[in-house]
Amino acid sequence: MYRVLLAEDEILVRLGLKNSIDWKRFDMQVIADVANGAEAWSVYEKLEPEIVITDLKMPIMGGMELITTEGKLNPANSATRAEAAQFLMNVLLEITIRD
């Protein structure tokens, strides 16, 4: 099962993502949800989730800074992760607009 970290400063959006998606259906489990990139980085270092879904604009540390920080430690994955993050944000935006 893939472990997912959600990073979103808007509490209603964060709870909506956490509770409205059937994570088990996709062989995923939300292991943590946090309100900013600094919290996300702390959780990431401790729990090492396979998937991070992040908002790009958050207080303290935004999603792109979070991705960049992780990319410095794992440079081979940084471009892929940045592209994946952008893709996920676009999908979530589309779902939000549609609903």
PDB file of N, CA and C in Angstrom:
ATOM      1  N   MET A   1       0.846  -1.177   0.000  1.00  0.00           N
ATOM      2  CA  MET A   1       0.000   0.000   0.000  1.00  0.00           C
ATOM      3  C   MET A   1       0.894   1.244   0.000  1.00  0.00           C
ATOM      4  N   TYR A   2       0.569   2.199  -0.873  1.00  0.00           N
ATOM      5  CA  TYR A   2       1.319   3.451  -0.950  1.00  0.00           C
ATOM      6  C   TYR A   2       0.899   4.377   0.186  1.00  0.00           C
ATOM      7  N   ARG A   3       1.879   4.985   0.825  1.00  0.00           N
ATOM      8  CA  ARG A   3       1.621   5.920   1.917  1.00  0.00           C
ATOM      9  C   ARG A   3       1.613   7.335   1.365  1.00  0.00           C
ATOM     10  N   VAL A   4       0.549   8.082   1.701  1.00  0.00           N
ATOM     11  CA  VAL A   4       0.317   9.415   1.142  1.00  0.00           C
ATOM     12  C   VAL A   4       0.402  10.470   2.242  1.00  0.00           C
ATOM     13  N   LEU A   5       1.077  11.563   1.914  1.00  0.00           N
ATOM     14  CA  LEU A   5       1.131  12.747   2.774  1.00  0.00           C
ATOM     15  C   LEU A   5       0.392  13.871   2.061  1.00  0.00           C
ATOM     16  N   LEU A   6      -0.588  14.473   2.724  1.00  0.00           N
ATOM     17  CA  LEU A   6      -1.326  15.612   2.180  1.00  0.00           C
ATOM     18  C   LEU A   6      -0.825  16.893   2.838  1.00  0.00           C
ATOM     19  N   ALA A   7      -0.471  17.879   2.021  1.00  0.00           N
ATOM     20  CA  ALA A   7      -0.040  19.184   2.533  1.00  0.00           C
ATOM     21  C   ALA A   7      -0.922  20.256   1.900  1.00  0.00           C
ATOM     22  N   GLU A   8      -1.771  20.863   2.701  1.00  0.00           N
ATOM     23  CA  GLU A   8      -2.747  21.854   2.222  1.00  0.00           C
ATOM     24  C   GLU A   8      -3.102  22.759   3.385  1.00  0.00           C
ATOM     25  N   ASP A   9      -2.977  24.074   3.202  1.00  0.00           N
ATOM     26  CA  ASP A   9      -3.250  25.001   4.300  1.00  0.00           C
ATOM     27  C   ASP A   9      -4.734  25.239   4.542  1.00  0.00           C
ATOM     28  N   GLU A  10      -5.553  25.042   3.547  1.00  0.00           N
ATOM     29  CA  GLU A  10      -7.003  25.227   3.719  1.00  0.00           C
ATOM     30  C   GLU A  10      -7.588  23.964   4.353  1.00  0.00           C
ATOM     31  N   ILE A  11      -8.028  24.076   5.587  1.00  0.00           N
ATOM     32  CA  ILE A  11      -8.484  22.914   6.347  1.00  0.00           C
ATOM     33  C   ILE A  11      -9.625  22.169   5.658  1.00  0.00           C
ATOM     34  N   LEU A  12     -10.580  22.897   5.085  1.00  0.00           N
ATOM     35  CA  LEU A  12     -11.707  22.227   4.436  1.00  0.00           C
ATOM     36  C   LEU A  12     -11.270  21.457   3.198  1.00  0.00           C
ATOM     37  N   VAL A  13     -10.339  22.011   2.448  1.00  0.00           N
ATOM     38  CA  VAL A  13      -9.811  21.312   1.275  1.00  0.00           C
ATOM     39  C   VAL A  13      -9.047  20.072   1.725  1.00  0.00           C
ATOM     40  N   ARG A  14      -8.209  20.241   2.743  1.00  0.00           N
ATOM     41  CA  ARG A  14      -7.411  19.121   3.249  1.00  0.00           C
ATOM     42  C   ARG A  14      -8.307  17.991   3.747  1.00  0.00           C
ATOM     43  N   LEU A  15      -9.300  18.323   4.538  1.00  0.00           N
ATOM     44  CA  LEU A  15     -10.213  17.298   5.042  1.00  0.00           C
ATOM     45  C   LEU A  15     -11.042  16.690   3.917  1.00  0.00           C
ATOM     46  N   GLY A  16     -11.414  17.529   2.950  1.00  0.00           N
ATOM     47  CA  GLY A  16     -12.150  17.019   1.798  1.00  0.00           C
ATOM     48  C   GLY A  16     -11.345  15.994   1.023  1.00  0.00           C
ATOM     49  N   LEU A  17     -10.082  16.301   0.770  1.00  0.00           N
ATOM     50  CA  LEU A  17      -9.208  15.351   0.073  1.00  0.00           C
ATOM     51  C   LEU A  17      -9.060  14.067   0.879  1.00  0.00           C
ATOM     52  N   LYS A  18      -8.849  14.228   2.150  1.00  0.00           N
ATOM     53  CA  LYS A  18      -8.614  13.070   3.009  1.00  0.00           C
ATOM     54  C   LYS A  18      -9.836  12.166   3.105  1.00  0.00           C
ATOM     55  N   ASN A  19     -11.018  12.774   3.192  1.00  0.00           N
ATOM     56  CA  ASN A  19     -12.225  12.002   3.474  1.00  0.00           C
ATOM     57  C   ASN A  19     -13.089  11.656   2.268  1.00  0.00           C
ATOM     58  N   SER A  20     -12.919  12.343   1.151  1.00  0.00           N
ATOM     59  CA  SER A  20     -13.817  12.095   0.021  1.00  0.00           C
ATOM     60  C   SER A  20     -13.247  11.138  -1.020  1.00  0.00           C
ATOM     61  N   ILE A  21     -11.981  10.809  -0.910  1.00  0.00           N
ATOM     62  CA  ILE A  21     -11.361   9.884  -1.858  1.00  0.00           C
ATOM     63  C   ILE A  21     -11.279   8.509  -1.211  1.00  0.00           C
ATOM     64  N   ASP A  22     -11.646   7.490  -1.965  1.00  0.00           N
ATOM     65  CA  ASP A  22     -11.530   6.112  -1.493  1.00  0.00           C
ATOM     66  C   ASP A  22     -10.087   5.657  -1.707  1.00  0.00           C
ATOM     67  N   TRP A  23      -9.227   6.020  -0.779  1.00  0.00           N
ATOM     68  CA  TRP A  23      -7.792   5.775  -0.911  1.00  0.00           C
ATOM     69  C   TRP A  23      -7.472   4.298  -1.061  1.00  0.00           C
ATOM     70  N   LYS A  24      -8.185   3.436  -0.345  1.00  0.00           N
ATOM     71  CA  LYS A  24      -7.924   1.991  -0.420  1.00  0.00           C
ATOM     72  C   LYS A  24      -8.159   1.455  -1.825  1.00  0.00           C
ATOM     73  N   ARG A  25      -9.106   2.039  -2.517  1.00  0.00           N
ATOM     74  CA  ARG A  25      -9.396   1.625  -3.896  1.00  0.00           C
ATOM     75  C   ARG A  25      -8.161   1.774  -4.783  1.00  0.00           C
ATOM     76  N   PHE A  26      -7.324   2.750  -4.478  1.00  0.00           N
ATOM     77  CA  PHE A  26      -6.115   3.012  -5.255  1.00  0.00           C
ATOM     78  C   PHE A  26      -4.870   2.443  -4.572  1.00  0.00           C
ATOM     79  N   ASP A  27      -5.089   1.574  -3.597  1.00  0.00           N
ATOM     80  CA  ASP A  27      -3.999   0.955  -2.837  1.00  0.00           C
ATOM     81  C   ASP A  27      -3.144   2.018  -2.149  1.00  0.00           C
ATOM     82  N   MET A  28      -3.828   2.995  -1.538  1.00  0.00           N
ATOM     83  CA  MET A  28      -3.161   4.095  -0.857  1.00  0.00           C
ATOM     84  C   MET A  28      -3.758   4.297   0.530  1.00  0.00           C
ATOM     85  N   GLN A  29      -2.947   4.889   1.406  1.00  0.00           N
ATOM     86  CA  GLN A  29      -3.389   5.240   2.750  1.00  0.00           C
ATOM     87  C   GLN A  29      -2.806   6.603   3.110  1.00  0.00           C
ATOM     88  N   VAL A  30      -3.652   7.521   3.558  1.00  0.00           N
ATOM     89  CA  VAL A  30      -3.170   8.824   4.019  1.00  0.00           C
ATOM     90  C   VAL A  30      -2.564   8.618   5.401  1.00  0.00           C
ATOM     91  N   ILE A  31      -1.249   8.850   5.500  1.00  0.00           N
ATOM     92  CA  ILE A  31      -0.557   8.643   6.776  1.00  0.00           C
ATOM     93  C   ILE A  31      -0.439   9.927   7.584  1.00  0.00           C
ATOM     94  N   ALA A  32      -0.619  11.076   6.902  1.00  0.00           N
ATOM     95  CA  ALA A  32      -0.565  12.363   7.606  1.00  0.00           C
ATOM     96  C   ALA A  32      -1.155  13.446   6.722  1.00  0.00           C
ATOM     97  N   ASP A  33      -1.743  14.450   7.370  1.00  0.00           N
ATOM     98  CA  ASP A  33      -2.173  15.651   6.657  1.00  0.00           C
ATOM     99  C   ASP A  33      -1.719  16.850   7.475  1.00  0.00           C
ATOM    100  N   VAL A  34      -1.105  17.807   6.773  1.00  0.00           N
ATOM    101  CA  VAL A  34      -0.479  18.950   7.445  1.00  0.00           C
ATOM    102  C   VAL A  34      -0.872  20.257   6.763  1.00  0.00           C
ATOM    103  N   ALA A  35      -0.613  21.380   7.447  1.00  0.00           N
ATOM    104  CA  ALA A  35      -1.083  22.686   6.987  1.00  0.00           C
ATOM    105  C   ALA A  35      -0.040  23.534   6.272  1.00  0.00           C
ATOM    106  N   ASN A  36       1.215  23.086   6.231  1.00  0.00           N
ATOM    107  CA  ASN A  36       2.231  23.875   5.527  1.00  0.00           C
ATOM    108  C   ASN A  36       3.408  22.992   5.132  1.00  0.00           C
ATOM    109  N   GLY A  37       4.272  23.537   4.300  1.00  0.00           N
ATOM    110  CA  GLY A  37       5.395  22.778   3.785  1.00  0.00           C
ATOM    111  C   GLY A  37       6.420  22.395   4.836  1.00  0.00           C
ATOM    112  N   ALA A  38       6.606  23.251   5.842  1.00  0.00           N
ATOM    113  CA  ALA A  38       7.561  22.928   6.907  1.00  0.00           C
ATOM    114  C   ALA A  38       7.102  21.692   7.679  1.00  0.00           C
ATOM    115  N   GLU A  39       5.814  21.641   7.996  1.00  0.00           N
ATOM    116  CA  GLU A  39       5.270  20.454   8.659  1.00  0.00           C
ATOM    117  C   GLU A  39       5.396  19.243   7.737  1.00  0.00           C
ATOM    118  N   ALA A  40       5.111  19.448   6.461  1.00  0.00           N
ATOM    119  CA  ALA A  40       5.197  18.357   5.489  1.00  0.00           C
ATOM    120  C   ALA A  40       6.612  17.804   5.427  1.00  0.00           C
ATOM    121  N   TRP A  41       7.602  18.703   5.416  1.00  0.00           N
ATOM    122  CA  TRP A  41       8.994  18.257   5.353  1.00  0.00           C
ATOM    123  C   TRP A  41       9.359  17.436   6.592  1.00  0.00           C
ATOM    124  N   SER A  42       8.920  17.883   7.753  1.00  0.00           N
ATOM    125  CA  SER A  42       9.190  17.160   8.993  1.00  0.00           C
ATOM    126  C   SER A  42       8.584  15.755   8.944  1.00  0.00           C
ATOM    127  N   VAL A  43       7.337  15.675   8.509  1.00  0.00           N
ATOM    128  CA  VAL A  43       6.658  14.379   8.395  1.00  0.00           C
ATOM    129  C   VAL A  43       7.329  13.520   7.329  1.00  0.00           C
ATOM    130  N   TYR A  44       7.692  14.142   6.214  1.00  0.00           N
ATOM    131  CA  TYR A  44       8.344  13.413   5.122  1.00  0.00           C
ATOM    132  C   TYR A  44       9.634  12.748   5.600  1.00  0.00           C
ATOM    133  N   GLU A  45      10.433  13.481   6.347  1.00  0.00           N
ATOM    134  CA  GLU A  45      11.695  12.924   6.844  1.00  0.00           C
ATOM    135  C   GLU A  45      11.473  11.758   7.803  1.00  0.00           C
ATOM    136  N   LYS A  46      10.424  11.831   8.606  1.00  0.00           N
ATOM    137  CA  LYS A  46      10.158  10.786   9.601  1.00  0.00           C
ATOM    138  C   LYS A  46       9.467   9.564   9.002  1.00  0.00           C
ATOM    139  N   LEU A  47       8.458   9.795   8.160  1.00  0.00           N
ATOM    140  CA  LEU A  47       7.612   8.696   7.691  1.00  0.00           C
ATOM    141  C   LEU A  47       7.916   8.218   6.271  1.00  0.00           C
ATOM    142  N   GLU A  48       8.650   9.012   5.506  1.00  0.00           N
ATOM    143  CA  GLU A  48       9.051   8.682   4.135  1.00  0.00           C
ATOM    144  C   GLU A  48       7.899   8.145   3.270  1.00  0.00           C
ATOM    145  N   PRO A  49       6.864   8.955   3.068  1.00  0.00           N
ATOM    146  CA  PRO A  49       5.751   8.513   2.220  1.00  0.00           C
ATOM    147  C   PRO A  49       6.195   8.366   0.767  1.00  0.00           C
ATOM    148  N   GLU A  50       5.528   7.487   0.053  1.00  0.00           N
ATOM    149  CA  GLU A  50       5.820   7.322  -1.371  1.00  0.00           C
ATOM    150  C   GLU A  50       5.195   8.438  -2.204  1.00  0.00           C
ATOM    151  N   ILE A  51       4.096   9.011  -1.713  1.00  0.00           N
ATOM    152  CA  ILE A  51       3.362  10.033  -2.463  1.00  0.00           C
ATOM    153  C   ILE A  51       3.132  11.249  -1.571  1.00  0.00           C
ATOM    154  N   VAL A  52       3.413  12.427  -2.120  1.00  0.00           N
ATOM    155  CA  VAL A  52       3.114  13.683  -1.438  1.00  0.00           C
ATOM    156  C   VAL A  52       2.215  14.494  -2.360  1.00  0.00           C
ATOM    157  N   ILE A  53       1.045  14.852  -1.864  1.00  0.00           N
ATOM    158  CA  ILE A  53       0.132  15.730  -2.599  1.00  0.00           C
ATOM    159  C   ILE A  53       0.164  17.064  -1.868  1.00  0.00           C
ATOM    160  N   THR A  54       0.614  18.095  -2.579  1.00  0.00           N
ATOM    161  CA  THR A  54       0.836  19.375  -1.913  1.00  0.00           C
ATOM    162  C   THR A  54       0.195  20.536  -2.651  1.00  0.00           C
ATOM    163  N   ASP A  55      -0.261  21.490  -1.875  1.00  0.00           N
ATOM    164  CA  ASP A  55      -0.683  22.778  -2.399  1.00  0.00           C
ATOM    165  C   ASP A  55       0.596  23.529  -2.757  1.00  0.00           C
ATOM    166  N   LEU A  56       0.554  24.345  -3.770  1.00  0.00           N
ATOM    167  CA  LEU A  56       1.752  25.083  -4.154  1.00  0.00           C
ATOM    168  C   LEU A  56       1.961  26.319  -3.298  1.00  0.00           C
ATOM    169  N   LYS A  57       0.882  26.959  -2.873  1.00  0.00           N
ATOM    170  CA  LYS A  57       0.986  28.187  -2.076  1.00  0.00           C
ATOM    171  C   LYS A  57       0.463  27.918  -0.673  1.00  0.00           C
ATOM    172  N   MET A  58       1.404  27.858   0.273  1.00  0.00           N
ATOM    173  CA  MET A  58       1.070  27.649   1.677  1.00  0.00           C
ATOM    174  C   MET A  58       1.956  28.557   2.519  1.00  0.00           C
ATOM    175  N   PRO A  59       1.541  28.844   3.750  1.00  0.00           N
ATOM    176  CA  PRO A  59       2.394  29.648   4.626  1.00  0.00           C
ATOM    177  C   PRO A  59       3.637  28.864   5.050  1.00  0.00           C
ATOM    178  N   ILE A  60       4.634  29.582   5.482  1.00  0.00           N
ATOM    179  CA  ILE A  60       5.910  29.073   5.995  1.00  0.00           C
ATOM    180  C   ILE A  60       6.759  28.462   4.887  1.00  0.00           C
ATOM    181  N   MET A  61       6.279  27.436   4.228  1.00  0.00           N
ATOM    182  CA  MET A  61       6.984  26.826   3.103  1.00  0.00           C
ATOM    183  C   MET A  61       5.940  26.331   2.117  1.00  0.00           C
ATOM    184  N   GLY A  62       6.038  26.783   0.878  1.00  0.00           N
ATOM    185  CA  GLY A  62       5.092  26.370  -0.147  1.00  0.00           C
ATOM    186  C   GLY A  62       5.442  25.013  -0.731  1.00  0.00           C
ATOM    187  N   GLY A  63       4.544  24.509  -1.546  1.00  0.00           N
ATOM    188  CA  GLY A  63       4.727  23.201  -2.152  1.00  0.00           C
ATOM    189  C   GLY A  63       5.939  23.101  -3.059  1.00  0.00           C
ATOM    190  N   MET A  64       6.208  24.143  -3.849  1.00  0.00           N
ATOM    191  CA  MET A  64       7.365  24.092  -4.738  1.00  0.00           C
ATOM    192  C   MET A  64       8.662  24.086  -3.936  1.00  0.00           C
ATOM    193  N   GLU A  65       8.707  24.842  -2.854  1.00  0.00           N
ATOM    194  CA  GLU A  65       9.901  24.825  -2.002  1.00  0.00           C
ATOM    195  C   GLU A  65      10.078  23.447  -1.363  1.00  0.00           C
ATOM    196  N   LEU A  66       8.980  22.835  -0.973  1.00  0.00           N
ATOM    197  CA  LEU A  66       9.019  21.483  -0.418  1.00  0.00           C
ATOM    198  C   LEU A  66       9.598  20.508  -1.440  1.00  0.00           C
ATOM    199  N   ILE A  67       9.108  20.584  -2.664  1.00  0.00           N
ATOM    200  CA  ILE A  67       9.594  19.705  -3.730  1.00  0.00           C
ATOM    201  C   ILE A  67      11.067  19.971  -4.017  1.00  0.00           C
ATOM    202  N   THR A  68      11.442  21.246  -4.041  1.00  0.00           N
ATOM    203  CA  THR A  68      12.837  21.617  -4.295  1.00  0.00           C
ATOM    204  C   THR A  68      13.746  21.103  -3.184  1.00  0.00           C
ATOM    205  N   THR A  69      13.302  21.228  -1.943  1.00  0.00           N
ATOM    206  CA  THR A  69      14.092  20.745  -0.807  1.00  0.00           C
ATOM    207  C   THR A  69      14.311  19.246  -0.919  1.00  0.00           C
ATOM    208  N   GLU A  70      13.265  18.516  -1.224  1.00  0.00           N
ATOM    209  CA  GLU A  70      13.387  17.067  -1.378  1.00  0.00           C
ATOM    210  C   GLU A  70      14.282  16.746  -2.564  1.00  0.00           C
ATOM    211  N   GLY A  71      14.164  17.513  -3.626  1.00  0.00           N
ATOM    212  CA  GLY A  71      14.959  17.283  -4.827  1.00  0.00           C
ATOM    213  C   GLY A  71      16.446  17.461  -4.604  1.00  0.00           C
ATOM    214  N   LYS A  72      16.814  18.338  -3.681  1.00  0.00           N
ATOM    215  CA  LYS A  72      18.239  18.534  -3.373  1.00  0.00           C
ATOM    216  C   LYS A  72      18.835  17.280  -2.740  1.00  0.00           C
ATOM    217  N   LEU A  73      18.011  16.550  -2.000  1.00  0.00           N
ATOM    218  CA  LEU A  73      18.488  15.312  -1.386  1.00  0.00           C
ATOM    219  C   LEU A  73      18.445  14.143  -2.363  1.00  0.00           C
ATOM    220  N   ASN A  74      17.531  14.199  -3.304  1.00  0.00           N
ATOM    221  CA  ASN A  74      17.359  13.140  -4.299  1.00  0.00           C
ATOM    222  C   ASN A  74      17.292  13.759  -5.686  1.00  0.00           C
ATOM    223  N   PRO A  75      18.416  14.268  -6.212  1.00  0.00           N
ATOM    224  CA  PRO A  75      18.392  15.025  -7.465  1.00  0.00           C
ATOM    225  C   PRO A  75      17.856  14.254  -8.663  1.00  0.00           C
ATOM    226  N   ALA A  76      18.034  12.962  -8.702  1.00  0.00           N
ATOM    227  CA  ALA A  76      17.549  12.186  -9.844  1.00  0.00           C
ATOM    228  C   ALA A  76      16.031  12.209  -9.934  1.00  0.00           C
ATOM    229  N   ASN A  77      15.368  12.384  -8.816  1.00  0.00           N
ATOM    230  CA  ASN A  77      13.906  12.358  -8.790  1.00  0.00           C
ATOM    231  C   ASN A  77      13.263  13.734  -8.841  1.00  0.00           C
ATOM    232  N   SER A  78      14.031  14.803  -8.726  1.00  0.00           N
ATOM    233  CA  SER A  78      13.440  16.129  -8.542  1.00  0.00           C
ATOM    234  C   SER A  78      12.573  16.569  -9.710  1.00  0.00           C
ATOM    235  N   ALA A  79      13.011  16.374 -10.938  1.00  0.00           N
ATOM    236  CA  ALA A  79      12.204  16.799 -12.091  1.00  0.00           C
ATOM    237  C   ALA A  79      10.928  15.984 -12.177  1.00  0.00           C
ATOM    238  N   THR A  80      11.042  14.694 -11.985  1.00  0.00           N
ATOM    239  CA  THR A  80       9.866  13.830 -12.032  1.00  0.00           C
ATOM    240  C   THR A  80       8.869  14.214 -10.956  1.00  0.00           C
ATOM    241  N   ARG A  81       9.353  14.482  -9.772  1.00  0.00           N
ATOM    242  CA  ARG A  81       8.462  14.846  -8.671  1.00  0.00           C
ATOM    243  C   ARG A  81       7.792  16.192  -8.917  1.00  0.00           C
ATOM    244  N   ALA A  82       8.523  17.134  -9.456  1.00  0.00           N
ATOM    245  CA  ALA A  82       7.938  18.442  -9.753  1.00  0.00           C
ATOM    246  C   ALA A  82       6.849  18.307 -10.805  1.00  0.00           C
ATOM    247  N   GLU A  83       7.102  17.511 -11.831  1.00  0.00           N
ATOM    248  CA  GLU A  83       6.092  17.294 -12.868  1.00  0.00           C
ATOM    249  C   GLU A  83       4.881  16.570 -12.295  1.00  0.00           C
ATOM    250  N   ALA A  84       5.117  15.576 -11.464  1.00  0.00           N
ATOM    251  CA  ALA A  84       4.013  14.834 -10.856  1.00  0.00           C
ATOM    252  C   ALA A  84       3.182  15.736  -9.957  1.00  0.00           C
ATOM    253  N   ALA A  85       3.844  16.589  -9.190  1.00  0.00           N
ATOM    254  CA  ALA A  85       3.121  17.506  -8.306  1.00  0.00           C
ATOM    255  C   ALA A  85       2.247  18.454  -9.109  1.00  0.00           C
ATOM    256  N   GLN A  86       2.785  18.981 -10.187  1.00  0.00           N
ATOM    257  CA  GLN A  86       2.007  19.886 -11.026  1.00  0.00           C
ATOM    258  C   GLN A  86       0.821  19.154 -11.643  1.00  0.00           C
ATOM    259  N   PHE A  87       1.045  17.933 -12.102  1.00  0.00           N
ATOM    260  CA  PHE A  87      -0.034  17.136 -12.679  1.00  0.00           C
ATOM    261  C   PHE A  87      -1.136  16.909 -11.653  1.00  0.00           C
ATOM    262  N   LEU A  88      -0.766  16.503 -10.443  1.00  0.00           N
ATOM    263  CA  LEU A  88      -1.766  16.253  -9.412  1.00  0.00           C
ATOM    264  C   LEU A  88      -2.535  17.512  -9.051  1.00  0.00           C
ATOM    265  N   MET A  89      -1.838  18.633  -8.976  1.00  0.00           N
ATOM    266  CA  MET A  89      -2.524  19.883  -8.666  1.00  0.00           C
ATOM    267  C   MET A  89      -3.520  20.237  -9.763  1.00  0.00           C
ATOM    268  N   ASN A  90      -3.144  20.008 -11.007  1.00  0.00           N
ATOM    269  CA  ASN A  90      -4.060  20.286 -12.115  1.00  0.00           C
ATOM    270  C   ASN A  90      -5.276  19.376 -12.061  1.00  0.00           C
ATOM    271  N   VAL A  91      -5.064  18.106 -11.760  1.00  0.00           N
ATOM    272  CA  VAL A  91      -6.178  17.163 -11.654  1.00  0.00           C
ATOM    273  C   VAL A  91      -7.103  17.569 -10.519  1.00  0.00           C
ATOM    274  N   LEU A  92      -6.531  17.901  -9.370  1.00  0.00           N
ATOM    275  CA  LEU A  92      -7.356  18.300  -8.230  1.00  0.00           C
ATOM    276  C   LEU A  92      -8.119  19.583  -8.509  1.00  0.00           C
ATOM    277  N   LEU A  93      -7.494  20.522  -9.191  1.00  0.00           N
ATOM    278  CA  LEU A  93      -8.172  21.758  -9.563  1.00  0.00           C
ATOM    279  C   LEU A  93      -9.335  21.454 -10.499  1.00  0.00           C
ATOM    280  N   GLU A  94      -9.109  20.580 -11.456  1.00  0.00           N
ATOM    281  CA  GLU A  94     -10.172  20.211 -12.394  1.00  0.00           C
ATOM    282  C   GLU A  94     -11.335  19.548 -11.663  1.00  0.00           C
ATOM    283  N   ILE A  95     -11.030  18.658 -10.732  1.00  0.00           N
ATOM    284  CA  ILE A  95     -12.077  17.992  -9.953  1.00  0.00           C
ATOM    285  C   ILE A  95     -12.842  19.010  -9.123  1.00  0.00           C
ATOM    286  N   THR A  96     -12.136  19.933  -8.494  1.00  0.00           N
ATOM    287  CA  THR A  96     -12.767  20.959  -7.667  1.00  0.00           C
ATOM    288  C   THR A  96     -13.690  21.837  -8.495  1.00  0.00           C
ATOM    289  N   ILE A  97     -13.224  22.259  -9.648  1.00  0.00           N
ATOM    290  CA  ILE A  97     -14.037  23.113 -10.518  1.00  0.00           C
ATOM    291  C   ILE A  97     -15.264  22.353 -11.011  1.00  0.00           C
ATOM    292  N   ARG A  98     -15.069  21.112 -11.403  1.00  0.00           N
ATOM    293  CA  ARG A  98     -16.161  20.295 -11.928  1.00  0.00           C
ATOM    294  C   ARG A  98     -17.223  20.045 -10.869  1.00  0.00           C
ATOM    295  N   ASP A  99     -16.793  19.769  -9.636  1.00  0.00           N
ATOM    296  CA  ASP A  99     -17.738  19.474  -8.564  1.00  0.00           C
ATOM    297  C   ASP A  99     -18.315  20.755  -8.014  1.00  0.00           C
TER     298      ASP A  99
END
